[in-house]
Amino acid sequence: MKLKELLQSDLVSAMKSNDIDSKHIIRAVMSSIKYVEIEQSAPITNDEDLIKIVQKEIKLRLDAIEEARKGNRTDIIDINQREIKLLQKYLPEQLSDDELKKIIKEIIAETGASSEKDMGKIMPLAIKKVSGRAQNAQISKFLKELLQKE
């Protein structure tokens, strides 16, 4: 089942079961999808673009958690963590740290990168190769770590 169809189906299920959290988060994702479709003047038909939207929604919640930590707002942290957990089911299975490091090492070897100055050319390659199976911040972190060792 395509991701968009899965979201629609899960929204109907959440509405029937009166699952407020799922209903809220799925509607937020659907709204983001609609916004992007209007912005592009074309419907989104591939799962890769939908995955990027889900990742963006997760990133927004991770940022909200950071801000809530600064203000010591555990209630907001809990809400956002629950929402992230619900969103993650719409992403492909995430890579382990070791798998991600292995992929990044391969890209570094292929490109001949040797310092953090090369991050600009490696980062897009890594994002494309990982294709939604890891957060960009995690890719960047490991990339910096591995390039410093070189």
Protein backbone atom coordinates (compact mmCIF):
# COMPACT_ATOMS: atom_id res chain seq x y z
CA MET A 1 0.00 0.00 0.00
CA LYS A 2 1.31 3.42 -0.91
CA LEU A 3 2.03 5.81 1.93
CA LYS A 4 -0.71 8.29 0.99
CA GLU A 5 -3.29 5.48 0.93
CA LEU A 6 -2.00 4.19 4.25
CA LEU A 7 -2.40 7.64 5.80
CA GLN A 8 -5.96 7.92 4.46
CA SER A 9 -6.82 4.46 5.75
CA ASP A 10 -5.28 5.12 9.16
CA LEU A 11 -7.16 8.41 9.42
CA VAL A 12 -10.47 6.65 8.79
CA SER A 13 -9.55 4.01 11.39
CA ALA A 14 -8.54 6.68 13.92
CA MET A 15 -11.79 8.53 13.36
CA LYS A 16 -13.86 5.35 13.78
CA SER A 17 -12.03 4.37 16.98
CA ASN A 18 -11.95 7.98 18.23
CA ASP A 19 -8.16 7.84 18.61
CA ILE A 20 -7.60 11.56 19.11
CA ASP A 21 -3.78 11.47 19.04
CA SER A 22 -3.56 9.50 15.79
CA LYS A 23 -6.33 11.55 14.20
CA HIS A 24 -4.53 14.79 15.11
CA ILE A 25 -1.12 13.72 13.83
CA ILE A 26 -2.39 12.16 10.60
CA ARG A 27 -4.40 15.29 9.85
CA ALA A 28 -1.28 17.39 10.42
CA VAL A 29 0.66 15.26 7.93
CA MET A 30 -2.18 15.34 5.42
CA SER A 31 -2.33 19.11 5.79
CA SER A 32 1.39 19.39 5.12
CA ILE A 33 1.02 17.17 2.07
CA LYS A 34 -1.82 19.33 0.76
CA TYR A 35 0.24 22.48 1.35
CA VAL A 36 3.15 21.08 -0.66
CA GLU A 37 0.81 19.95 -3.44
CA ILE A 38 -0.71 23.44 -3.66
CA GLU A 39 2.75 25.01 -3.60
CA GLN A 40 3.93 22.74 -6.42
CA SER A 41 0.62 22.89 -8.32
CA ALA A 42 0.79 19.12 -8.68
CA PRO A 43 -0.21 16.12 -6.59
CA ILE A 44 2.50 14.16 -4.81
CA THR A 45 2.53 10.69 -6.26
CA ASN A 46 5.72 9.08 -5.00
CA ASP A 47 6.43 7.84 -1.50
CA GLU A 48 9.89 9.44 -1.43
CA ASP A 49 8.39 12.94 -1.35
CA LEU A 50 5.82 11.86 1.24
CA ILE A 51 8.59 10.45 3.43
CA LYS A 52 10.35 13.83 3.29
CA ILE A 53 7.16 15.48 4.55
CA VAL A 54 6.85 12.99 7.42
CA GLN A 55 10.52 13.58 8.28
CA LYS A 56 9.89 17.31 8.32
CA GLU A 57 6.98 16.80 10.71
CA ILE A 58 9.24 14.76 12.98
CA LYS A 59 11.93 17.46 12.81
CA LEU A 60 9.38 20.08 13.87
CA ARG A 61 8.51 18.00 16.90
CA LEU A 62 12.16 17.38 17.77
CA ASP A 63 12.72 21.14 17.67
CA ALA A 64 9.68 21.64 19.89
CA ILE A 65 11.11 19.13 22.37
CA GLU A 66 14.40 21.07 22.48
CA GLU A 67 12.55 24.30 23.21
CA ALA A 68 10.35 22.60 25.81
CA ARG A 69 13.45 21.26 27.58
CA LYS A 70 14.77 24.81 27.89
CA GLY A 71 11.51 25.84 29.52
CA ASN A 72 11.29 22.64 31.60
CA ARG A 73 7.90 21.80 30.04
CA THR A 74 7.61 18.03 30.44
CA ASP A 75 3.99 18.06 29.27
CA ILE A 76 4.99 19.43 25.86
CA ILE A 77 7.92 17.01 25.67
CA ASP A 78 5.59 14.06 26.32
CA ILE A 79 3.08 15.16 23.68
CA ASN A 80 5.76 15.63 21.03
CA GLN A 81 7.42 12.31 21.85
CA ARG A 82 4.08 10.52 21.43
CA GLU A 83 3.55 12.29 18.11
CA ILE A 84 7.03 11.34 16.89
CA LYS A 85 6.34 7.72 17.78
CA LEU A 86 3.12 7.82 15.74
CA LEU A 87 4.88 9.47 12.79
CA GLN A 88 7.74 6.98 12.73
CA LYS A 89 5.45 4.20 11.63
CA TYR A 90 5.14 6.00 8.27
CA LEU A 91 8.90 5.97 7.68
CA PRO A 92 10.92 3.08 6.30
CA GLU A 93 12.77 1.01 8.87
CA GLN A 94 15.51 3.20 10.29
CA LEU A 95 19.17 2.25 9.92
CA SER A 96 21.20 1.35 12.96
CA ASP A 97 24.14 3.59 13.83
CA ASP A 98 26.57 0.96 12.54
CA GLU A 99 24.73 0.57 9.22
CA LEU A 100 24.62 4.33 8.75
CA LYS A 101 28.32 4.72 9.54
CA LYS A 102 29.13 1.96 7.04
CA ILE A 103 27.18 3.75 4.28
CA ILE A 104 28.85 7.07 5.10
CA LYS A 105 32.30 5.44 5.08
CA GLU A 106 31.56 4.02 1.61
CA ILE A 107 30.54 7.45 0.32
CA ILE A 108 33.66 9.04 1.82
CA ALA A 109 35.80 6.38 0.09
CA GLU A 110 33.97 6.82 -3.24
CA THR A 111 34.32 10.61 -3.23
CA GLY A 112 37.80 10.77 -1.75
CA ALA A 113 36.64 13.26 0.88
CA SER A 114 39.24 14.03 3.51
CA SER A 115 37.98 16.90 5.68
CA GLU A 116 34.87 18.66 6.92
CA LYS A 117 35.24 21.05 3.98
CA ASP A 118 33.99 18.19 1.79
CA MET A 119 30.70 17.85 3.70
CA GLY A 120 28.88 19.96 1.12
CA LYS A 121 29.43 17.39 -1.60
CA ILE A 122 29.00 14.30 0.58
CA MET A 123 25.85 15.26 2.50
CA PRO A 124 23.49 15.25 -0.53
CA LEU A 125 24.90 11.89 -1.65
CA ALA A 126 24.39 10.42 1.81
CA ILE A 127 20.84 11.77 2.08
CA LYS A 128 19.97 10.29 -1.30
CA LYS A 129 21.55 6.91 -0.53
CA VAL A 130 19.90 6.65 2.90
CA SER A 131 16.57 7.85 1.45
CA GLY A 132 14.49 8.38 4.57
CA ARG A 133 16.02 5.65 6.71
CA ALA A 134 17.89 8.14 8.94
CA GLN A 135 17.49 11.74 10.07
CA ASN A 136 19.66 14.33 8.32
CA ALA A 137 21.01 15.52 11.67
CA GLN A 138 22.21 12.00 12.41
CA ILE A 139 23.85 11.74 8.98
CA SER A 140 25.59 15.08 9.53
CA LYS A 141 26.79 14.07 13.00
CA PHE A 142 28.36 10.82 11.80
CA LEU A 143 29.79 12.51 8.73
CA LYS A 144 31.59 15.11 10.86
CA GLU A 145 32.77 12.42 13.24
CA LEU A 146 34.17 10.23 10.46
CA LEU A 147 35.78 13.10 8.54
CA GLN A 148 37.59 14.28 11.69
CA LYS A 149 39.15 10.83 12.04
CA GLU A 150 40.46 10.95 8.47
